[in-house]
Amino acid sequence: MGFVALSLDFSAVVIGSLGGSLFAVDRKLDLIGAMALALLCGLGGGLLRDMIMQVGDVYILRTSYAIPASAITAAIVFFLSAPFQRHPHLIEWIDIFSVALYVAAGAGKAIAYGLAPWTVILLGMLTGVGGGMLRDVFLGDVPRIFQKSNFYAVCAILGSIAYLAASSLGLTGFLPALICTIVTIGSRRLSLRYDIKSPSQSDVHNALRERRGK
């Protein structure tokens, strides 16, 4: 893996672990719970990506610092949570930033191994939402990506497309990742700002009934 890919992966691990441990503090879990959620959110997306691709190496097993970085981040947040709790929207911002970084890491690795465009988009999305999905499953919640909500999986898909488009245009280095991050976070914030939500089955049925009634 090149410097850009390693930097993206490590940044995603730290930011994802930060989000997971903040989520644990919000749910009033103990230190083990905080570390468990940090590991799931910080390492889960990359682990799912590497398991699905089955090419190259498994990032968290090859590097000696990913797991300790995640655990240390959880411990810092757990014992020094007061400054973080002063900002009620911090978890939301960190969560979507983590998604954006992992989307870039997933799409970037898929492109590096010459996978097909649709596979790049799928792997980017799965890598981005994988950690959050594992977190919800372990907490006994319906994963966020399956619920009617403001764009979450959708913004990960848009970020993957943006990364793929930037790479197809010949952009290299951190530029595709930067564009991917802007698109992912921007689409998420727009969906929250204008309350744009993915429709549920009942929404579709109600819309069809209204059309038939006209």
Protein backbone atom coordinates (compact mmCIF):
# COMPACT_ATOMS: atom_id res chain seq x y z
CA MET A 1 0.00 0.00 0.00
CA GLY A 2 1.24 3.50 -0.83
CA PHE A 3 1.63 6.46 1.49
CA VAL A 4 -1.76 7.95 0.57
CA ALA A 5 -3.60 4.67 1.21
CA LEU A 6 -1.82 4.11 4.52
CA SER A 7 -2.54 7.67 5.62
CA LEU A 8 -6.22 7.32 4.74
CA ASP A 9 -6.52 4.03 6.59
CA PHE A 10 -4.81 5.32 9.72
CA SER A 11 -6.81 8.56 9.73
CA ALA A 12 -10.03 6.56 9.32
CA VAL A 13 -9.02 4.28 12.22
CA VAL A 14 -8.43 7.20 14.60
CA ILE A 15 -11.52 9.20 13.59
CA GLY A 16 -13.72 6.09 13.54
CA SER A 17 -12.43 5.04 16.97
CA LEU A 18 -13.11 8.53 18.29
CA GLY A 19 -16.68 8.35 17.05
CA GLY A 20 -17.21 4.86 18.44
CA SER A 21 -15.91 5.75 21.90
CA LEU A 22 -18.00 8.95 21.99
CA PHE A 23 -21.03 6.84 21.11
CA ALA A 24 -20.15 4.51 24.01
CA VAL A 25 -19.89 7.43 26.42
CA ASP A 26 -23.25 8.72 25.19
CA ARG A 27 -24.77 5.26 25.85
CA LYS A 28 -23.06 5.21 29.28
CA LEU A 29 -21.06 2.04 28.60
CA ASP A 30 -18.01 1.03 30.63
CA LEU A 31 -14.37 1.18 29.51
CA ILE A 32 -14.54 -2.23 27.85
CA GLY A 33 -17.65 -1.12 25.99
CA ALA A 34 -15.91 2.06 24.87
CA MET A 35 -12.93 0.11 23.58
CA ALA A 36 -15.15 -2.45 21.86
CA LEU A 37 -17.12 0.23 20.01
CA ALA A 38 -13.91 2.08 19.15
CA LEU A 39 -12.46 -1.09 17.62
CA LEU A 40 -15.68 -1.84 15.72
CA CYS A 41 -16.05 1.68 14.33
CA GLY A 42 -12.35 2.29 13.81
CA LEU A 43 -11.38 -1.05 12.30
CA GLY A 44 -14.63 -2.64 11.11
CA GLY A 45 -14.94 -0.90 7.75
CA GLY A 46 -11.39 -1.70 6.68
CA LEU A 47 -11.67 -5.29 7.89
CA LEU A 48 -14.87 -5.85 5.87
CA ARG A 49 -13.20 -4.35 2.81
CA ASP A 50 -10.12 -6.55 3.06
CA MET A 51 -12.16 -9.69 3.75
CA ILE A 52 -14.40 -9.07 0.72
CA MET A 53 -11.55 -8.16 -1.65
CA GLN A 54 -9.27 -11.07 -0.64
CA VAL A 55 -6.35 -9.41 -2.36
CA GLY A 56 -3.32 -7.73 -0.88
CA ASP A 57 -3.14 -7.75 2.91
CA VAL A 58 -5.47 -7.20 5.86
CA TYR A 59 -4.55 -3.72 7.04
CA ILE A 60 -5.27 -4.13 10.76
CA LEU A 61 -3.27 -7.37 10.94
CA ARG A 62 -0.27 -6.15 8.98
CA THR A 63 0.22 -2.84 10.81
CA SER A 64 1.41 -2.75 14.39
CA TYR A 65 -0.24 0.54 15.32
CA ALA A 66 -3.89 0.34 14.18
CA ILE A 67 -5.27 -1.65 17.13
CA PRO A 68 -3.23 0.23 19.80
CA ALA A 69 -4.24 3.58 18.25
CA SER A 70 -7.90 2.58 18.45
CA ALA A 71 -7.61 1.40 22.07
CA ILE A 72 -5.67 4.51 23.16
CA THR A 73 -8.25 6.77 21.50
CA ALA A 74 -11.03 4.99 23.39
CA ALA A 75 -9.21 5.33 26.72
CA ILE A 76 -8.58 9.06 26.19
CA VAL A 77 -12.21 9.75 25.34
CA PHE A 78 -13.49 7.58 28.21
CA PHE A 79 -11.42 9.29 30.91
CA LEU A 80 -11.47 12.78 29.40
CA SER A 81 -14.97 12.89 27.94
CA ALA A 82 -16.05 16.26 29.40
CA PRO A 83 -14.58 18.47 26.62
CA PHE A 84 -16.23 16.28 23.96
CA GLN A 85 -19.64 16.31 25.66
CA ARG A 86 -19.81 20.10 25.48
CA HIS A 87 -20.55 19.83 21.77
CA PRO A 88 -23.86 17.98 21.21
CA HIS A 89 -23.40 17.57 17.45
CA LEU A 90 -19.80 16.35 17.64
CA ILE A 91 -20.69 12.66 17.30
CA GLU A 92 -22.65 13.36 14.10
CA TRP A 93 -19.77 15.31 12.55
CA ILE A 94 -17.13 12.76 13.52
CA ASP A 95 -19.32 9.89 12.32
CA ILE A 96 -19.80 11.28 8.81
CA PHE A 97 -16.13 12.34 8.61
CA SER A 98 -15.16 8.76 9.46
CA VAL A 99 -17.56 7.48 6.78
CA ALA A 100 -15.99 9.82 4.21
CA LEU A 101 -12.44 8.72 5.04
CA TYR A 102 -13.33 5.05 4.85
CA VAL A 103 -15.23 5.53 1.59
CA ALA A 104 -12.05 7.01 0.12
CA ALA A 105 -9.92 4.20 1.60
CA GLY A 106 -12.25 1.52 0.22
CA ALA A 107 -12.67 3.01 -3.24
CA GLY A 108 -8.97 3.79 -3.46
CA LYS A 109 -7.88 0.23 -2.72
CA ALA A 110 -10.44 -1.18 -5.16
CA ILE A 111 -9.11 1.11 -7.91
CA ALA A 112 -5.50 0.23 -7.05
CA TYR A 113 -6.27 -3.44 -7.69
CA GLY A 114 -8.04 -2.69 -10.98
CA LEU A 115 -11.54 -3.73 -9.95
CA ALA A 116 -14.58 -2.84 -12.05
CA PRO A 117 -16.27 0.57 -11.53
CA TRP A 118 -19.42 -0.88 -9.93
CA THR A 119 -17.23 -2.91 -7.57
CA VAL A 120 -15.31 0.25 -6.64
CA ILE A 121 -18.56 2.01 -5.74
CA LEU A 122 -19.85 -0.97 -3.75
CA LEU A 123 -16.61 -1.44 -1.82
CA GLY A 124 -16.35 2.27 -1.11
CA MET A 125 -19.88 2.30 0.31
CA LEU A 126 -19.44 -0.90 2.36
CA THR A 127 -16.12 0.28 3.77
CA GLY A 128 -17.66 3.62 4.70
CA VAL A 129 -20.72 2.31 6.54
CA GLY A 130 -19.28 -1.03 7.72
CA GLY A 131 -18.02 0.15 11.10
CA GLY A 132 -21.29 1.89 11.97
CA MET A 133 -23.28 -1.13 10.83
CA LEU A 134 -21.26 -3.45 13.10
CA ARG A 135 -21.67 -0.99 15.99
CA ASP A 136 -25.46 -1.00 15.64
CA VAL A 137 -25.61 -4.80 15.37
CA PHE A 138 -23.52 -5.29 18.52
CA LEU A 139 -25.74 -2.80 20.40
CA GLY A 140 -28.88 -4.62 19.30
CA ASP A 141 -30.12 -1.76 17.08
CA VAL A 142 -31.39 -1.92 13.52
CA PRO A 143 -28.41 -0.75 11.45
CA ARG A 144 -28.73 2.87 10.47
CA ILE A 145 -28.31 2.12 6.78
CA PHE A 146 -31.53 0.06 6.82
CA GLN A 147 -33.68 2.74 8.44
CA LYS A 148 -35.54 5.66 6.92
CA SER A 149 -33.18 8.51 7.62
CA ASN A 150 -31.27 11.40 6.18
CA PHE A 151 -28.68 10.29 3.64
CA TYR A 152 -26.12 7.93 5.14
CA ALA A 153 -25.48 5.02 2.81
CA VAL A 154 -26.52 7.30 -0.07
CA CYS A 155 -23.82 9.83 0.76
CA ALA A 156 -21.28 6.98 0.92
CA ILE A 157 -22.35 5.91 -2.58
CA LEU A 158 -22.04 9.49 -3.85
CA GLY A 159 -18.59 9.76 -2.29
CA SER A 160 -17.50 6.53 -3.98
CA ILE A 161 -18.73 7.83 -7.33
CA ALA A 162 -16.85 11.09 -6.75
CA TYR A 163 -13.63 9.22 -5.97
CA LEU A 164 -14.04 7.04 -9.05
CA ALA A 165 -14.76 10.06 -11.26
CA ALA A 166 -11.75 11.99 -9.91
CA SER A 167 -9.45 9.02 -10.51
CA SER A 168 -10.88 8.51 -14.01
CA LEU A 169 -10.01 12.14 -14.79
CA GLY A 170 -6.37 11.43 -13.92
CA LEU A 171 -6.27 13.06 -10.48
CA THR A 172 -3.83 11.38 -8.11
CA GLY A 173 -2.49 11.65 -4.57
CA PHE A 174 -4.84 13.09 -1.98
CA LEU A 175 -7.05 14.91 -4.52
CA PRO A 176 -9.53 12.06 -5.17
CA ALA A 177 -9.81 11.46 -1.42
CA LEU A 178 -10.37 15.18 -0.79
CA ILE A 179 -13.11 15.35 -3.42
CA CYS A 180 -14.68 12.17 -2.04
CA THR A 181 -14.66 13.63 1.49
CA ILE A 182 -16.25 16.90 0.39
CA VAL A 183 -19.01 15.12 -1.56
CA THR A 184 -19.73 12.62 1.23
CA ILE A 185 -19.90 15.19 4.02
CA GLY A 186 -21.60 17.80 1.82
CA SER A 187 -24.41 15.47 0.73
CA ARG A 188 -24.97 14.36 4.33
CA ARG A 189 -25.15 17.94 5.60
CA LEU A 190 -27.51 18.95 2.78
CA SER A 191 -29.82 16.05 3.60
CA LEU A 192 -29.91 17.19 7.23
CA ARG A 193 -30.30 20.85 6.35
CA TYR A 194 -33.28 20.27 4.04
CA ASP A 195 -34.54 17.13 5.82
CA ILE A 196 -34.14 14.92 2.73
CA LYS A 197 -34.74 11.30 3.69
CA SER A 198 -34.56 7.99 1.90
CA PRO A 199 -38.16 6.79 1.39
CA SER A 200 -39.62 3.78 3.20
CA GLN A 201 -42.00 1.30 1.62
CA SER A 202 -44.96 3.02 3.31
CA ASP A 203 -43.91 6.34 1.75
CA VAL A 204 -43.92 4.76 -1.71
CA HIS A 205 -47.33 3.15 -1.14
CA ASN A 206 -48.82 6.40 0.17
CA ALA A 207 -47.50 8.30 -2.83
CA LEU A 208 -49.03 5.73 -5.20
CA ARG A 209 -52.37 5.93 -3.41
CA GLU A 210 -52.37 9.71 -3.68
CA ARG A 211 -51.64 9.52 -7.42
CA ARG A 212 -54.44 7.01 -7.95
CA GLY A 213 -56.84 9.18 -5.97
CA LYS A 214 -56.26 12.20 -8.19
